[in-house]
Protein backbone atom coordinates (compact mmCIF):
# COMPACT_ATOMS: atom_id res chain seq x y z
CA MET A 1 114.67 127.65 110.62
CA LYS A 2 112.06 125.91 108.20
CA THR A 3 108.91 125.46 108.70
CA VAL A 4 106.94 121.55 108.32
CA GLY A 5 103.73 120.26 106.76
CA ILE A 6 102.56 117.02 107.54
CA ILE A 7 99.55 115.72 105.83
CA GLY A 8 97.98 113.57 108.64
CA GLY A 9 94.79 111.78 109.33
CA MET A 10 95.56 108.35 108.37
CA GLY A 11 94.80 107.84 111.17
CA PRO A 12 94.92 110.86 113.65
CA GLU A 13 96.62 108.52 115.94
CA ALA A 14 99.42 107.94 113.63
CA THR A 15 99.39 111.83 112.88
CA ALA A 16 99.67 112.66 116.83
CA ASP A 17 102.10 110.20 117.28
CA LEU A 18 104.10 111.82 114.33
CA PHE A 19 103.70 114.77 115.59
CA GLN A 20 105.15 113.80 119.41
CA LYS A 21 108.00 111.76 117.85
CA ILE A 22 109.56 115.31 116.59
CA ILE A 23 109.19 116.71 119.48
CA VAL A 24 111.02 114.20 121.17
CA PHE A 25 114.27 113.76 118.87
CA THR A 26 114.23 117.87 118.80
CA ASN A 27 116.98 118.88 120.80
CA ALA A 28 115.78 122.09 122.36
CA LYS A 29 115.75 123.36 126.03
CA HIS A 30 113.11 126.20 125.20
CA ASP A 31 109.71 126.81 122.88
CA TYR A 32 111.32 128.79 120.33
CA GLU A 33 114.21 125.79 119.82
CA HIS A 34 110.98 123.71 118.73
CA ILE A 35 110.13 123.04 114.79
CA HIS A 36 107.59 125.23 113.77
CA ILE A 37 105.16 122.50 112.65
CA LEU A 38 101.45 123.04 110.31
CA ILE A 39 99.32 119.55 110.87
CA ASP A 40 96.46 118.76 108.33
CA ASN A 41 94.47 116.36 109.73
CA ASN A 42 92.70 115.30 106.91
CA THR A 43 90.55 112.91 107.91
CA ASP A 44 88.66 112.96 104.40
CA ILE A 45 91.47 110.97 102.70
CA PRO A 46 90.20 107.69 101.40
CA ASP A 47 91.42 104.64 102.52
CA ARG A 48 94.19 103.75 100.84
CA THR A 49 94.37 100.01 100.75
CA GLU A 50 90.99 100.12 99.55
CA ALA A 51 92.08 102.47 96.72
CA ILE A 52 94.87 100.52 95.85
CA LEU A 53 93.47 96.93 95.73
CA ASN A 54 89.83 97.21 95.29
CA GLY A 55 89.00 100.30 92.83
CA GLY A 56 88.13 102.17 95.64
CA GLU A 57 88.27 106.35 95.91
CA SER A 58 91.62 107.56 95.40
CA PRO A 59 92.86 109.56 97.85
CA LEU A 60 95.17 111.73 95.91
CA PRO A 61 92.90 114.40 95.27
CA GLN A 62 92.51 115.34 98.99
CA MET A 63 96.29 114.31 99.86
CA LEU A 64 97.01 117.27 97.30
CA ALA A 65 94.22 119.53 98.65
CA SER A 66 96.12 118.81 102.00
CA ALA A 67 99.40 119.90 100.42
CA ASP A 68 97.86 122.63 99.10
CA ARG A 69 96.66 124.32 102.34
CA LEU A 70 100.27 123.42 104.05
CA VAL A 71 102.18 125.40 101.22
CA ARG A 72 99.57 128.59 102.02
CA GLN A 73 99.75 127.86 104.97
CA GLY A 74 104.30 128.70 104.55
CA ALA A 75 104.99 124.69 105.11
CA ASP A 76 108.77 125.02 103.24
CA PHE A 77 108.57 121.37 103.10
CA LEU A 78 106.09 118.16 103.47
CA ALA A 79 105.89 114.64 105.27
CA ILE A 80 103.06 112.24 105.01
CA GLY A 81 102.15 110.05 108.18
CA CYS A 82 101.09 107.31 106.43
CA ASN A 83 103.07 103.83 105.00
CA THR A 84 100.63 103.03 102.34
CA ALA A 85 99.78 106.59 101.13
CA HIS A 86 103.70 106.74 99.54
CA TYR A 87 102.09 104.62 96.69
CA PHE A 88 101.38 108.35 95.24
CA TYR A 89 104.16 109.66 96.31
CA ASP A 90 105.68 110.48 92.95
CA GLU A 91 102.25 111.66 91.55
CA LEU A 92 101.81 114.14 94.64
CA SER A 93 105.74 114.98 94.33
CA ARG A 94 105.44 116.10 90.77
CA ASN A 95 102.18 118.46 91.82
CA VAL A 96 103.87 120.46 94.95
CA PRO A 97 106.01 122.72 94.98
CA VAL A 98 107.71 122.05 97.83
CA PRO A 99 110.07 118.69 98.88
CA ILE A 100 108.23 115.82 100.53
CA LEU A 101 110.31 113.72 102.52
CA ASN A 102 109.99 110.10 101.60
CA MET A 103 109.45 108.20 104.84
CA ILE A 104 109.94 104.70 102.53
CA GLU A 105 113.17 105.68 101.24
CA ILE A 106 114.60 106.85 104.51
CA THR A 107 113.63 103.76 106.61
CA MET A 108 114.99 101.55 103.92
CA LYS A 109 118.53 103.85 104.47
CA LYS A 110 118.17 103.37 107.85
CA ILE A 111 117.95 99.38 107.30
CA LEU A 112 120.91 99.44 104.95
CA GLU A 113 122.89 101.37 107.95
CA GLN A 114 122.08 98.64 110.06
CA ASN A 115 123.80 95.62 108.21
CA LEU A 116 120.79 93.35 108.51
CA ASN A 117 120.41 90.23 106.28
CA THR A 118 117.12 89.30 107.04
CA VAL A 119 113.70 91.44 107.65
CA GLY A 120 110.05 91.34 108.56
CA ILE A 121 107.53 93.45 106.40
CA LEU A 122 104.81 94.63 108.59
CA GLY A 123 101.90 96.40 106.92
CA THR A 124 98.69 97.11 105.43
CA PHE A 125 97.19 94.67 102.89
CA ALA A 126 97.91 97.39 100.20
CA THR A 127 101.96 97.99 101.50
CA LEU A 128 102.68 94.61 101.20
CA LYS A 129 100.77 93.18 97.95
CA THR A 130 102.39 96.86 96.47
CA GLY A 131 105.93 95.84 97.77
CA LEU A 132 106.81 99.47 99.02
CA TYR A 133 109.54 97.84 101.06
CA ASP A 134 110.43 95.05 98.19
CA ARG A 135 113.60 97.34 96.89
CA LEU A 136 115.95 96.37 99.83
CA SER A 137 116.19 93.14 98.60
CA GLU A 138 118.17 94.54 95.66
CA TYR A 139 120.83 95.15 98.13
CA GLY A 140 121.04 91.79 99.36
CA ILE A 141 118.62 92.33 102.50
CA LYS A 142 116.18 89.05 102.32
CA ILE A 143 112.88 90.06 103.17
CA ILE A 144 109.91 88.03 104.87
CA LYS A 145 106.52 89.01 105.44
CA PRO A 146 103.33 87.36 107.21
CA ASP A 147 101.76 83.97 105.59
CA GLU A 148 98.62 85.24 103.56
CA SER A 149 96.76 83.52 106.09
CA ASP A 150 98.38 85.78 108.90
CA GLU A 151 97.99 89.29 106.68
CA ALA A 152 94.74 89.06 108.12
CA LEU A 153 95.60 89.15 111.99
CA ILE A 154 98.09 91.99 111.14
CA MET A 155 95.71 94.23 108.83
CA ASP A 156 92.94 93.26 111.54
CA MET A 157 95.40 94.68 114.28
CA ILE A 158 95.75 97.79 112.71
CA TYR A 159 92.09 98.72 111.89
CA ASP A 160 89.92 96.89 114.64
CA GLY A 161 93.08 97.41 116.94
CA VAL A 162 94.36 100.66 117.26
CA LYS A 163 92.01 102.67 114.59
CA GLY A 164 89.05 101.08 116.42
CA GLY A 165 90.67 102.85 119.78
CA ARG A 166 90.72 99.62 121.26
CA SER A 167 92.86 99.22 124.75
CA ASN A 168 92.69 95.39 124.99
CA TYR A 169 92.92 93.65 121.92
CA ASP A 170 93.71 90.23 121.92
CA THR A 171 97.17 89.63 120.23
CA ALA A 172 97.66 86.25 120.83
CA ALA A 173 97.00 84.94 117.27
CA VAL A 174 100.10 87.95 116.23
CA LYS A 175 102.51 86.46 118.29
CA ARG A 176 101.79 83.68 116.81
CA CYS A 177 102.25 85.04 113.73
CA LEU A 178 105.62 87.21 114.47
CA ASP A 179 107.39 84.27 116.04
CA LYS A 180 106.89 81.99 113.09
CA MET A 181 108.64 84.25 111.37
CA VAL A 182 111.39 84.97 113.72
CA LEU A 183 111.97 81.26 113.09
CA LYS A 184 112.17 82.13 109.39
CA GLY A 185 115.33 84.48 110.30
CA VAL A 186 113.56 88.03 111.01
CA GLN A 187 116.10 90.03 112.82
CA ARG A 188 113.66 93.25 112.96
CA PHE A 189 110.40 93.71 112.36
CA VAL A 190 109.87 96.68 109.65
CA LEU A 191 106.58 98.70 111.12
CA ALA A 192 105.22 99.54 107.88
CA CYS A 193 102.01 101.05 108.67
CA THR A 194 102.05 104.10 111.21
CA GLU A 195 99.22 102.31 113.05
CA LEU A 196 101.80 99.48 114.04
CA PRO A 197 104.28 101.23 116.67
CA LEU A 198 101.59 102.44 118.49
CA ALA A 199 100.36 98.86 118.69
CA PHE A 200 103.54 97.07 119.34
CA CYS A 201 103.74 99.59 122.44
CA ASN A 202 99.87 100.05 123.47
CA TYR A 203 100.06 95.86 123.31
CA HIS A 204 103.22 95.05 124.72
CA LEU A 205 104.58 93.23 121.56
CA ASP A 206 108.24 92.83 122.50
CA TYR A 207 110.42 92.27 119.34
CA PRO A 208 113.00 93.72 117.80
CA VAL A 209 111.90 96.99 115.36
CA ILE A 210 112.79 99.48 113.04
CA ASP A 211 109.70 102.65 114.01
CA PRO A 212 109.44 104.24 110.27
CA THR A 213 107.38 107.15 112.09
CA VAL A 214 110.93 107.25 113.70
CA GLU A 215 112.80 107.74 110.86
CA LEU A 216 110.60 110.20 109.58
CA ALA A 217 110.45 112.35 112.71
CA LYS A 218 114.45 112.82 112.95
CA ALA A 219 114.34 113.39 109.32
CA VAL A 220 112.00 116.60 109.71
CA VAL A 221 114.66 117.82 112.54
CA ILE A 222 117.50 117.43 110.41
CA GLU A 223 115.17 119.29 107.57
CA ALA A 224 113.68 121.89 109.80
CA GLY A 225 117.44 122.95 110.50
CA ALA A 226 116.86 122.48 114.16
CA SER A 227 119.22 120.32 116.37
CA LEU A 228 118.74 116.34 116.38
CA LYS A 229 118.70 114.75 120.10
């Protein structure tokens, strides 16, 4: 089987979630049937939203450094454990000698397979503003995002909630936001930040979702040549 390298650290818990989901979706009864996974939990990668929206330090040099370490250790292909970081996907790919799975493209393909009419996109300010998932509209899928006044609620749950390690985060305002989006016709929420699957699980947000981390994990299993569960 091929060896996968994960550019992680964005954040560490989301990286662990991707690792765990790869294991869960690998059909294996013995250790040797699992995938060889290399993880660079690079917490030196600057904040992606700050870089994209506010002219902060670019994460690309550190992402390239992670890619280089993983390739030198034997990675045959790479995966990026962060939706927002895919804003830099094209430039990263041009400078890395092995294939890089594209979580955005993989997730959009899954959405199209489900014959949905309307999806809600939840993510960081940068993911929403740069429209990483907006190409879905070219296929006739209506995209609904949180109102501008509600975008900060999702951002706070990501940063103050999950990244901040809070187990008792108050989601009342977030639920009101999600309920408003459901009333607008949302059939599934795309959890377009790798902290959001953790938030929905940890804070018991019971809404229909599409989890890009799950879709990336499955793609890793297939690309590595393992058996998908």
